[in-house]
Amino acid sequence: MAVTTMADLKQAIFDMHGCDAVWVEAVPVSEQFLGKTVWKGMVQVFDPIGHPTASRCYAWAHTSKDRGRSFVAMLHQGAIDSPQAAVKAAIAQQLKRYRA
């Protein structure tokens, strides 16, 4: 399994949102559904530099059997107002893809 670095996450933020970012903190998140853990890991919190609407970005990497390693970088906007909310939104997006 490949180690994810801050540089990897900053590159993902740049690729997805077109801005550089400064690391702020790491937040442990555990998301459960029907009593089972569906995601557990560290979410890295960044301040995007020069983004027109977002003051924070939440980023992490994960590995799946079918897609290998992929990155998530969710902007602090609307209902995404915390690392926990970012993980929930990412899980919801993933479920929509699988159901389509």
PDB file of N, CA and C in Angstrom:
ATOM      1  N   MET A   1       0.851  -1.183   0.000  1.00  0.00           N
ATOM      2  CA  MET A   1       0.000   0.000   0.000  1.00  0.00           C
ATOM      3  C   MET A   1       0.896   1.246   0.000  1.00  0.00           C
ATOM      4  N   ALA A   2       0.586   2.178  -0.860  1.00  0.00           N
ATOM      5  CA  ALA A   2       1.374   3.406  -0.984  1.00  0.00           C
ATOM      6  C   ALA A   2       1.083   4.351   0.186  1.00  0.00           C
ATOM      7  N   VAL A   3       2.116   5.007   0.642  1.00  0.00           N
ATOM      8  CA  VAL A   3       1.980   5.987   1.714  1.00  0.00           C
ATOM      9  C   VAL A   3       1.519   7.304   1.091  1.00  0.00           C
ATOM     10  N   THR A   4       0.516   7.910   1.705  1.00  0.00           N
ATOM     11  CA  THR A   4       0.018   9.203   1.236  1.00  0.00           C
ATOM     12  C   THR A   4       0.745  10.306   1.983  1.00  0.00           C
ATOM     13  N   THR A   5       1.290  11.251   1.239  1.00  0.00           N
ATOM     14  CA  THR A   5       2.011  12.358   1.846  1.00  0.00           C
ATOM     15  C   THR A   5       1.171  13.636   1.757  1.00  0.00           C
ATOM     16  N   MET A   6       1.589  14.637   2.501  1.00  0.00           N
ATOM     17  CA  MET A   6       0.937  15.947   2.404  1.00  0.00           C
ATOM     18  C   MET A   6       1.050  16.477   0.973  1.00  0.00           C
ATOM     19  N   ALA A   7       2.181  16.221   0.333  1.00  0.00           N
ATOM     20  CA  ALA A   7       2.359  16.672  -1.054  1.00  0.00           C
ATOM     21  C   ALA A   7       1.332  16.016  -1.973  1.00  0.00           C
ATOM     22  N   ASP A   8       1.026  14.724  -1.745  1.00  0.00           N
ATOM     23  CA  ASP A   8      -0.003  14.041  -2.535  1.00  0.00           C
ATOM     24  C   ASP A   8      -1.362  14.726  -2.363  1.00  0.00           C
ATOM     25  N   LEU A   9      -1.709  15.032  -1.111  1.00  0.00           N
ATOM     26  CA  LEU A   9      -3.008  15.646  -0.838  1.00  0.00           C
ATOM     27  C   LEU A   9      -3.070  17.069  -1.387  1.00  0.00           C
ATOM     28  N   LYS A  10      -1.979  17.825  -1.241  1.00  0.00           N
ATOM     29  CA  LYS A  10      -1.953  19.183  -1.797  1.00  0.00           C
ATOM     30  C   LYS A  10      -2.080  19.140  -3.315  1.00  0.00           C
ATOM     31  N   GLN A  11      -1.471  18.138  -3.963  1.00  0.00           N
ATOM     32  CA  GLN A  11      -1.607  17.995  -5.415  1.00  0.00           C
ATOM     33  C   GLN A  11      -3.046  17.656  -5.788  1.00  0.00           C
ATOM     34  N   ALA A  12      -3.686  16.805  -4.997  1.00  0.00           N
ATOM     35  CA  ALA A  12      -5.082  16.451  -5.243  1.00  0.00           C
ATOM     36  C   ALA A  12      -5.980  17.684  -5.131  1.00  0.00           C
ATOM     37  N   ILE A  13      -5.737  18.514  -4.121  1.00  0.00           N
ATOM     38  CA  ILE A  13      -6.514  19.756  -3.969  1.00  0.00           C
ATOM     39  C   ILE A  13      -6.302  20.651  -5.174  1.00  0.00           C
ATOM     40  N   PHE A  14      -5.064  20.768  -5.613  1.00  0.00           N
ATOM     41  CA  PHE A  14      -4.776  21.592  -6.787  1.00  0.00           C
ATOM     42  C   PHE A  14      -5.464  21.024  -8.028  1.00  0.00           C
ATOM     43  N   ASP A  15      -5.377  19.726  -8.236  1.00  0.00           N
ATOM     44  CA  ASP A  15      -5.989  19.091  -9.404  1.00  0.00           C
ATOM     45  C   ASP A  15      -7.509  19.238  -9.407  1.00  0.00           C
ATOM     46  N   MET A  16      -8.132  19.119  -8.248  1.00  0.00           N
ATOM     47  CA  MET A  16      -9.599  19.148  -8.166  1.00  0.00           C
ATOM     48  C   MET A  16     -10.165  20.559  -8.065  1.00  0.00           C
ATOM     49  N   HIS A  17      -9.428  21.462  -7.419  1.00  0.00           N
ATOM     50  CA  HIS A  17      -9.998  22.777  -7.123  1.00  0.00           C
ATOM     51  C   HIS A  17      -9.170  23.956  -7.621  1.00  0.00           C
ATOM     52  N   GLY A  18      -8.022  23.679  -8.230  1.00  0.00           N
ATOM     53  CA  GLY A  18      -7.236  24.716  -8.874  1.00  0.00           C
ATOM     54  C   GLY A  18      -6.538  25.697  -7.953  1.00  0.00           C
ATOM     55  N   CYS A  19      -6.219  25.258  -6.735  1.00  0.00           N
ATOM     56  CA  CYS A  19      -5.528  26.171  -5.819  1.00  0.00           C
ATOM     57  C   CYS A  19      -4.542  25.406  -4.951  1.00  0.00           C
ATOM     58  N   ASP A  20      -3.544  26.125  -4.484  1.00  0.00           N
ATOM     59  CA  ASP A  20      -2.624  25.568  -3.501  1.00  0.00           C
ATOM     60  C   ASP A  20      -3.314  25.574  -2.144  1.00  0.00           C
ATOM     61  N   ALA A  21      -2.684  24.924  -1.166  1.00  0.00           N
ATOM     62  CA  ALA A  21      -3.287  24.854   0.167  1.00  0.00           C
ATOM     63  C   ALA A  21      -2.213  24.732   1.226  1.00  0.00           C
ATOM     64  N   VAL A  22      -2.561  25.189   2.415  1.00  0.00           N
ATOM     65  CA  VAL A  22      -1.676  25.112   3.580  1.00  0.00           C
ATOM     66  C   VAL A  22      -2.330  24.176   4.593  1.00  0.00           C
ATOM     67  N   TRP A  23      -1.542  23.201   5.072  1.00  0.00           N
ATOM     68  CA  TRP A  23      -2.058  22.246   6.047  1.00  0.00           C
ATOM     69  C   TRP A  23      -2.336  22.931   7.382  1.00  0.00           C
ATOM     70  N   VAL A  24      -3.461  22.550   8.007  1.00  0.00           N
ATOM     71  CA  VAL A  24      -3.867  23.122   9.290  1.00  0.00           C
ATOM     72  C   VAL A  24      -3.809  22.079  10.410  1.00  0.00           C
ATOM     73  N   GLU A  25      -4.460  20.946  10.210  1.00  0.00           N
ATOM     74  CA  GLU A  25      -4.512  19.919  11.249  1.00  0.00           C
ATOM     75  C   GLU A  25      -5.016  18.602  10.679  1.00  0.00           C
ATOM     76  N   ALA A  26      -4.863  17.551  11.460  1.00  0.00           N
ATOM     77  CA  ALA A  26      -5.410  16.237  11.127  1.00  0.00           C
ATOM     78  C   ALA A  26      -6.511  15.917  12.136  1.00  0.00           C
ATOM     79  N   VAL A  27      -7.629  15.406  11.641  1.00  0.00           N
ATOM     80  CA  VAL A  27      -8.776  15.111  12.493  1.00  0.00           C
ATOM     81  C   VAL A  27      -9.188  13.656  12.283  1.00  0.00           C
ATOM     82  N   PRO A  28      -9.239  12.865  13.353  1.00  0.00           N
ATOM     83  CA  PRO A  28      -9.707  11.480  13.207  1.00  0.00           C
ATOM     84  C   PRO A  28     -11.228  11.471  13.012  1.00  0.00           C
ATOM     85  N   VAL A  29     -11.674  10.667  12.045  1.00  0.00           N
ATOM     86  CA  VAL A  29     -13.107  10.569  11.750  1.00  0.00           C
ATOM     87  C   VAL A  29     -13.469   9.094  11.646  1.00  0.00           C
ATOM     88  N   SER A  30     -14.584   8.751  12.270  1.00  0.00           N
ATOM     89  CA  SER A  30     -15.132   7.408  12.157  1.00  0.00           C
ATOM     90  C   SER A  30     -16.610   7.558  11.808  1.00  0.00           C
ATOM     91  N   GLU A  31     -16.996   6.996  10.679  1.00  0.00           N
ATOM     92  CA  GLU A  31     -18.383   7.101  10.226  1.00  0.00           C
ATOM     93  C   GLU A  31     -19.033   5.728  10.323  1.00  0.00           C
ATOM     94  N   GLN A  32     -20.188   5.688  10.999  1.00  0.00           N
ATOM     95  CA  GLN A  32     -20.898   4.430  11.172  1.00  0.00           C
ATOM     96  C   GLN A  32     -22.252   4.471  10.493  1.00  0.00           C
ATOM     97  N   PHE A  33     -22.703   3.290  10.068  1.00  0.00           N
ATOM     98  CA  PHE A  33     -24.024   3.140   9.469  1.00  0.00           C
ATOM     99  C   PHE A  33     -24.594   1.820   9.958  1.00  0.00           C
ATOM    100  N   LEU A  34     -25.778   1.876  10.539  1.00  0.00           N
ATOM    101  CA  LEU A  34     -26.434   0.693  11.081  1.00  0.00           C
ATOM    102  C   LEU A  34     -25.527  -0.079  12.039  1.00  0.00           C
ATOM    103  N   GLY A  35     -24.808   0.675  12.851  1.00  0.00           N
ATOM    104  CA  GLY A  35     -23.974   0.066  13.874  1.00  0.00           C
ATOM    105  C   GLY A  35     -22.638  -0.474  13.398  1.00  0.00           C
ATOM    106  N   LYS A  36     -22.320  -0.303  12.125  1.00  0.00           N
ATOM    107  CA  LYS A  36     -21.056  -0.793  11.592  1.00  0.00           C
ATOM    108  C   LYS A  36     -20.213   0.370  11.098  1.00  0.00           C
ATOM    109  N   THR A  37     -18.917   0.277  11.301  1.00  0.00           N
ATOM    110  CA  THR A  37     -18.010   1.309  10.816  1.00  0.00           C
ATOM    111  C   THR A  37     -17.859   1.161   9.310  1.00  0.00           C
ATOM    112  N   VAL A  38     -18.217   2.231   8.565  1.00  0.00           N
ATOM    113  CA  VAL A  38     -18.090   2.204   7.112  1.00  0.00           C
ATOM    114  C   VAL A  38     -16.872   2.985   6.642  1.00  0.00           C
ATOM    115  N   TRP A  39     -16.335   3.829   7.483  1.00  0.00           N
ATOM    116  CA  TRP A  39     -15.102   4.560   7.161  1.00  0.00           C
ATOM    117  C   TRP A  39     -14.443   5.005   8.445  1.00  0.00           C
ATOM    118  N   LYS A  40     -13.130   4.835   8.500  1.00  0.00           N
ATOM    119  CA  LYS A  40     -12.378   5.289   9.661  1.00  0.00           C
ATOM    120  C   LYS A  40     -11.003   5.711   9.175  1.00  0.00           C
ATOM    121  N   GLY A  41     -10.614   6.922   9.539  1.00  0.00           N
ATOM    122  CA  GLY A  41      -9.303   7.395   9.124  1.00  0.00           C
ATOM    123  C   GLY A  41      -9.063   8.826   9.562  1.00  0.00           C
ATOM    124  N   MET A  42      -7.956   9.367   9.072  1.00  0.00           N
ATOM    125  CA  MET A  42      -7.588  10.745   9.375  1.00  0.00           C
ATOM    126  C   MET A  42      -7.949  11.632   8.187  1.00  0.00           C
ATOM    127  N   VAL A  43      -8.639  12.707   8.480  1.00  0.00           N
ATOM    128  CA  VAL A  43      -8.949  13.720   7.472  1.00  0.00           C
ATOM    129  C   VAL A  43      -7.987  14.876   7.704  1.00  0.00           C
ATOM    130  N   GLN A  44      -7.297  15.262   6.656  1.00  0.00           N
ATOM    131  CA  GLN A  44      -6.363  16.382   6.742  1.00  0.00           C
ATOM    132  C   GLN A  44      -7.114  17.662   6.381  1.00  0.00           C
ATOM    133  N   VAL A  45      -6.959  18.662   7.213  1.00  0.00           N
ATOM    134  CA  VAL A  45      -7.646  19.942   7.016  1.00  0.00           C
ATOM    135  C   VAL A  45      -6.629  20.933   6.450  1.00  0.00           C
ATOM    136  N   PHE A  46      -7.031  21.619   5.387  1.00  0.00           N
ATOM    137  CA  PHE A  46      -6.185  22.598   4.715  1.00  0.00           C
ATOM    138  C   PHE A  46      -6.922  23.924   4.573  1.00  0.00           C
ATOM    139  N   ASP A  47      -6.159  25.003   4.491  1.00  0.00           N
ATOM    140  CA  ASP A  47      -6.686  26.309   4.082  1.00  0.00           C
ATOM    141  C   ASP A  47      -6.303  26.501   2.624  1.00  0.00           C
ATOM    142  N   PRO A  48      -7.293  26.546   1.721  1.00  0.00           N
ATOM    143  CA  PRO A  48      -6.964  26.771   0.315  1.00  0.00           C
ATOM    144  C   PRO A  48      -6.460  28.205   0.106  1.00  0.00           C
ATOM    145  N   ILE A  49      -5.492  28.366  -0.764  1.00  0.00           N
ATOM    146  CA  ILE A  49      -4.917  29.675  -1.047  1.00  0.00           C
ATOM    147  C   ILE A  49      -5.541  30.215  -2.330  1.00  0.00           C
ATOM    148  N   GLY A  50      -6.263  31.317  -2.196  1.00  0.00           N
ATOM    149  CA  GLY A  50      -6.825  31.974  -3.363  1.00  0.00           C
ATOM    150  C   GLY A  50      -8.092  31.364  -3.925  1.00  0.00           C
ATOM    151  N   HIS A  51      -8.714  30.431  -3.212  1.00  0.00           N
ATOM    152  CA  HIS A  51      -9.979  29.890  -3.716  1.00  0.00           C
ATOM    153  C   HIS A  51     -11.062  30.962  -3.558  1.00  0.00           C
ATOM    154  N   PRO A  52     -11.899  31.158  -4.568  1.00  0.00           N
ATOM    155  CA  PRO A  52     -12.859  32.269  -4.511  1.00  0.00           C
ATOM    156  C   PRO A  52     -13.977  32.119  -3.488  1.00  0.00           C
ATOM    157  N   THR A  53     -14.301  30.886  -3.057  1.00  0.00           N
ATOM    158  CA  THR A  53     -15.454  30.731  -2.168  1.00  0.00           C
ATOM    159  C   THR A  53     -15.199  29.900  -0.910  1.00  0.00           C
ATOM    160  N   ALA A  54     -14.150  29.108  -0.878  1.00  0.00           N
ATOM    161  CA  ALA A  54     -13.941  28.196   0.255  1.00  0.00           C
ATOM    162  C   ALA A  54     -12.781  28.647   1.128  1.00  0.00           C
ATOM    163  N   SER A  55     -12.996  28.547   2.435  1.00  0.00           N
ATOM    164  CA  SER A  55     -11.948  28.908   3.391  1.00  0.00           C
ATOM    165  C   SER A  55     -11.243  27.690   3.976  1.00  0.00           C
ATOM    166  N   ARG A  56     -11.806  26.500   3.727  1.00  0.00           N
ATOM    167  CA  ARG A  56     -11.217  25.250   4.219  1.00  0.00           C
ATOM    168  C   ARG A  56     -11.406  24.168   3.161  1.00  0.00           C
ATOM    169  N   CYS A  57     -10.567  23.153   3.269  1.00  0.00           N
ATOM    170  CA  CYS A  57     -10.686  21.979   2.408  1.00  0.00           C
ATOM    171  C   CYS A  57     -10.316  20.769   3.245  1.00  0.00           C
ATOM    172  N   TYR A  58     -11.053  19.682   3.059  1.00  0.00           N
ATOM    173  CA  TYR A  58     -10.831  18.447   3.797  1.00  0.00           C
ATOM    174  C   TYR A  58     -10.365  17.386   2.804  1.00  0.00           C
ATOM    175  N   ALA A  59      -9.236  16.751   3.075  1.00  0.00           N
ATOM    176  CA  ALA A  59      -8.661  15.828   2.100  1.00  0.00           C
ATOM    177  C   ALA A  59      -8.165  14.546   2.753  1.00  0.00           C
ATOM    178  N   TRP A  60      -8.262  13.443   1.986  1.00  0.00           N
ATOM    179  CA  TRP A  60      -7.746  12.159   2.421  1.00  0.00           C
ATOM    180  C   TRP A  60      -7.624  11.255   1.199  1.00  0.00           C
ATOM    181  N   ALA A  61      -6.936  10.165   1.394  1.00  0.00           N
ATOM    182  CA  ALA A  61      -6.804   9.149   0.351  1.00  0.00           C
ATOM    183  C   ALA A  61      -7.416   7.860   0.861  1.00  0.00           C
ATOM    184  N   HIS A  62      -7.869   7.031  -0.066  1.00  0.00           N
ATOM    185  CA  HIS A  62      -8.349   5.708   0.316  1.00  0.00           C
ATOM    186  C   HIS A  62      -8.061   4.736  -0.814  1.00  0.00           C
ATOM    187  N   THR A  63      -8.072   3.483  -0.478  1.00  0.00           N
ATOM    188  CA  THR A  63      -7.780   2.437  -1.451  1.00  0.00           C
ATOM    189  C   THR A  63      -8.972   1.504  -1.539  1.00  0.00           C
ATOM    190  N   SER A  64      -9.351   1.184  -2.769  1.00  0.00           N
ATOM    191  CA  SER A  64     -10.421   0.208  -2.977  1.00  0.00           C
ATOM    192  C   SER A  64      -9.920  -0.855  -3.953  1.00  0.00           C
ATOM    193  N   LYS A  65     -10.522  -2.004  -3.897  1.00  0.00           N
ATOM    194  CA  LYS A  65     -10.097  -3.114  -4.746  1.00  0.00           C
ATOM    195  C   LYS A  65     -10.267  -2.801  -6.227  1.00  0.00           C
ATOM    196  N   ASP A  66     -11.359  -2.139  -6.577  1.00  0.00           N
ATOM    197  CA  ASP A  66     -11.650  -1.896  -7.989  1.00  0.00           C
ATOM    198  C   ASP A  66     -10.990  -0.642  -8.561  1.00  0.00           C
ATOM    199  N   ARG A  67     -10.689   0.353  -7.734  1.00  0.00           N
ATOM    200  CA  ARG A  67     -10.155   1.603  -8.255  1.00  0.00           C
ATOM    201  C   ARG A  67      -8.733   1.920  -7.774  1.00  0.00           C
ATOM    202  N   GLY A  68      -8.178   1.105  -6.899  1.00  0.00           N
ATOM    203  CA  GLY A  68      -6.853   1.396  -6.371  1.00  0.00           C
ATOM    204  C   GLY A  68      -6.904   2.603  -5.445  1.00  0.00           C
ATOM    205  N   ARG A  69      -5.804   3.343  -5.388  1.00  0.00           N
ATOM    206  CA  ARG A  69      -5.748   4.520  -4.509  1.00  0.00           C
ATOM    207  C   ARG A  69      -6.393   5.709  -5.200  1.00  0.00           C
ATOM    208  N   SER A  70      -7.229   6.394  -4.467  1.00  0.00           N
ATOM    209  CA  SER A  70      -7.846   7.620  -4.983  1.00  0.00           C
ATOM    210  C   SER A  70      -7.874   8.657  -3.869  1.00  0.00           C
ATOM    211  N   PHE A  71      -8.064   9.890  -4.287  1.00  0.00           N
ATOM    212  CA  PHE A  71      -8.030  11.017  -3.364  1.00  0.00           C
ATOM    213  C   PHE A  71      -9.388  11.701  -3.320  1.00  0.00           C
ATOM    214  N   VAL A  72      -9.687  12.238  -2.153  1.00  0.00           N
ATOM    215  CA  VAL A  72     -10.899  13.028  -1.947  1.00  0.00           C
ATOM    216  C   VAL A  72     -10.456  14.381  -1.421  1.00  0.00           C
ATOM    217  N   ALA A  73     -11.006  15.453  -1.978  1.00  0.00           N
ATOM    218  CA  ALA A  73     -10.730  16.812  -1.495  1.00  0.00           C
ATOM    219  C   ALA A  73     -12.039  17.587  -1.543  1.00  0.00           C
ATOM    220  N   MET A  74     -12.678  17.723  -0.406  1.00  0.00           N
ATOM    221  CA  MET A  74     -13.991  18.367  -0.308  1.00  0.00           C
ATOM    222  C   MET A  74     -13.832  19.788   0.241  1.00  0.00           C
ATOM    223  N   LEU A  75     -14.422  20.734  -0.458  1.00  0.00           N
ATOM    224  CA  LEU A  75     -14.377  22.126  -0.003  1.00  0.00           C
ATOM    225  C   LEU A  75     -15.372  22.367   1.118  1.00  0.00           C
ATOM    226  N   HIS A  76     -15.015  23.236   2.035  1.00  0.00           N
ATOM    227  CA  HIS A  76     -15.903  23.665   3.127  1.00  0.00           C
ATOM    228  C   HIS A  76     -16.923  24.631   2.521  1.00  0.00           C
ATOM    229  N   GLN A  77     -18.077  24.082   2.142  1.00  0.00           N
ATOM    230  CA  GLN A  77     -19.149  24.868   1.526  1.00  0.00           C
ATOM    231  C   GLN A  77     -20.485  24.210   1.836  1.00  0.00           C
ATOM    232  N   GLY A  78     -21.507  25.025   2.022  1.00  0.00           N
ATOM    233  CA  GLY A  78     -22.844  24.493   2.266  1.00  0.00           C
ATOM    234  C   GLY A  78     -22.866  23.559   3.457  1.00  0.00           C
ATOM    235  N   ALA A  79     -23.414  22.364   3.240  1.00  0.00           N
ATOM    236  CA  ALA A  79     -23.548  21.383   4.316  1.00  0.00           C
ATOM    237  C   ALA A  79     -22.207  20.770   4.723  1.00  0.00           C
ATOM    238  N   ILE A  80     -21.191  20.939   3.900  1.00  0.00           N
ATOM    239  CA  ILE A  80     -19.869  20.408   4.241  1.00  0.00           C
ATOM    240  C   ILE A  80     -19.163  21.459   5.088  1.00  0.00           C
ATOM    241  N   ASP A  81     -19.340  21.327   6.408  1.00  0.00           N
ATOM    242  CA  ASP A  81     -18.837  22.332   7.340  1.00  0.00           C
ATOM    243  C   ASP A  81     -17.891  21.760   8.396  1.00  0.00           C
ATOM    244  N   SER A  82     -17.429  20.510   8.166  1.00  0.00           N
ATOM    245  CA  SER A  82     -16.517  19.864   9.109  1.00  0.00           C
ATOM    246  C   SER A  82     -15.889  18.653   8.421  1.00  0.00           C
ATOM    247  N   PRO A  83     -14.832  18.122   8.995  1.00  0.00           N
ATOM    248  CA  PRO A  83     -14.268  16.887   8.433  1.00  0.00           C
ATOM    249  C   PRO A  83     -15.289  15.741   8.413  1.00  0.00           C
ATOM    250  N   GLN A  84     -16.096  15.641   9.463  1.00  0.00           N
ATOM    251  CA  GLN A  84     -17.112  14.591   9.530  1.00  0.00           C
ATOM    252  C   GLN A  84     -18.137  14.746   8.408  1.00  0.00           C
ATOM    253  N   ALA A  85     -18.583  15.965   8.169  1.00  0.00           N
ATOM    254  CA  ALA A  85     -19.553  16.205   7.106  1.00  0.00           C
ATOM    255  C   ALA A  85     -18.951  15.923   5.737  1.00  0.00           C
ATOM    256  N   ALA A  86     -17.662  16.193   5.570  1.00  0.00           N
ATOM    257  CA  ALA A  86     -16.986  15.905   4.300  1.00  0.00           C
ATOM    258  C   ALA A  86     -16.964  14.402   4.036  1.00  0.00           C
ATOM    259  N   VAL A  87     -16.677  13.613   5.064  1.00  0.00           N
ATOM    260  CA  VAL A  87     -16.668  12.159   4.899  1.00  0.00           C
ATOM    261  C   VAL A  87     -18.063  11.665   4.556  1.00  0.00           C
ATOM    262  N   LYS A  88     -19.083  12.154   5.249  1.00  0.00           N
ATOM    263  CA  LYS A  88     -20.465  11.747   4.950  1.00  0.00           C
ATOM    264  C   LYS A  88     -20.837  12.085   3.510  1.00  0.00           C
ATOM    265  N   ALA A  89     -20.476  13.279   3.050  1.00  0.00           N
ATOM    266  CA  ALA A  89     -20.788  13.696   1.676  1.00  0.00           C
ATOM    267  C   ALA A  89     -20.058  12.821   0.665  1.00  0.00           C
ATOM    268  N   ALA A  90     -18.816  12.473   0.949  1.00  0.00           N
ATOM    269  CA  ALA A  90     -18.053  11.620   0.034  1.00  0.00           C
ATOM    270  C   ALA A  90     -18.665  10.226  -0.046  1.00  0.00           C
ATOM    271  N   ILE A  91     -19.097   9.690   1.088  1.00  0.00           N
ATOM    272  CA  ILE A  91     -19.741   8.381   1.102  1.00  0.00           C
ATOM    273  C   ILE A  91     -21.045   8.436   0.304  1.00  0.00           C
ATOM    274  N   ALA A  92     -21.820   9.501   0.482  1.00  0.00           N
ATOM    275  CA  ALA A  92     -23.081   9.645  -0.253  1.00  0.00           C
ATOM    276  C   ALA A  92     -22.821   9.725  -1.760  1.00  0.00           C
ATOM    277  N   GLN A  93     -21.792  10.453  -2.178  1.00  0.00           N
ATOM    278  CA  GLN A  93     -21.451  10.529  -3.600  1.00  0.00           C
ATOM    279  C   GLN A  93     -21.061   9.163  -4.143  1.00  0.00           C
ATOM    280  N   GLN A  94     -20.301   8.425  -3.370  1.00  0.00           N
ATOM    281  CA  GLN A  94     -19.868   7.098  -3.795  1.00  0.00           C
ATOM    282  C   GLN A  94     -21.065   6.163  -3.937  1.00  0.00           C
ATOM    283  N   LEU A  95     -22.003   6.224  -3.011  1.00  0.00           N
ATOM    284  CA  LEU A  95     -23.210   5.386  -3.099  1.00  0.00           C
ATOM    285  C   LEU A  95     -24.025   5.720  -4.344  1.00  0.00           C
ATOM    286  N   LYS A  96     -24.132   7.001  -4.674  1.00  0.00           N
ATOM    287  CA  LYS A  96     -24.866   7.400  -5.887  1.00  0.00           C
ATOM    288  C   LYS A  96     -24.216   6.805  -7.129  1.00  0.00           C
ATOM    289  N   ARG A  97     -22.883   6.789  -7.172  1.00  0.00           N
ATOM    290  CA  ARG A  97     -22.171   6.223  -8.329  1.00  0.00           C
ATOM    291  C   ARG A  97     -22.444   4.735  -8.473  1.00  0.00           C
ATOM    292  N   TYR A  98     -22.465   4.016  -7.342  1.00  0.00           N
ATOM    293  CA  TYR A  98     -22.682   2.577  -7.375  1.00  0.00           C
ATOM    294  C   TYR A  98     -24.123   2.233  -7.736  1.00  0.00           C
ATOM    295  N   ARG A  99     -25.046   3.091  -7.380  1.00  0.00           N
ATOM    296  CA  ARG A  99     -26.467   2.823  -7.687  1.00  0.00           C
ATOM    297  C   ARG A  99     -26.829   3.193  -9.114  1.00  0.00           C
ATOM    298  N   ALA A 100     -26.033   4.057  -9.727  1.00  0.00           N
ATOM    299  CA  ALA A 100     -26.352   4.513 -11.107  1.00  0.00           C
ATOM    300  C   ALA A 100     -26.061   3.446 -12.128  1.00  0.00           C
TER     301      ALA A 100
END
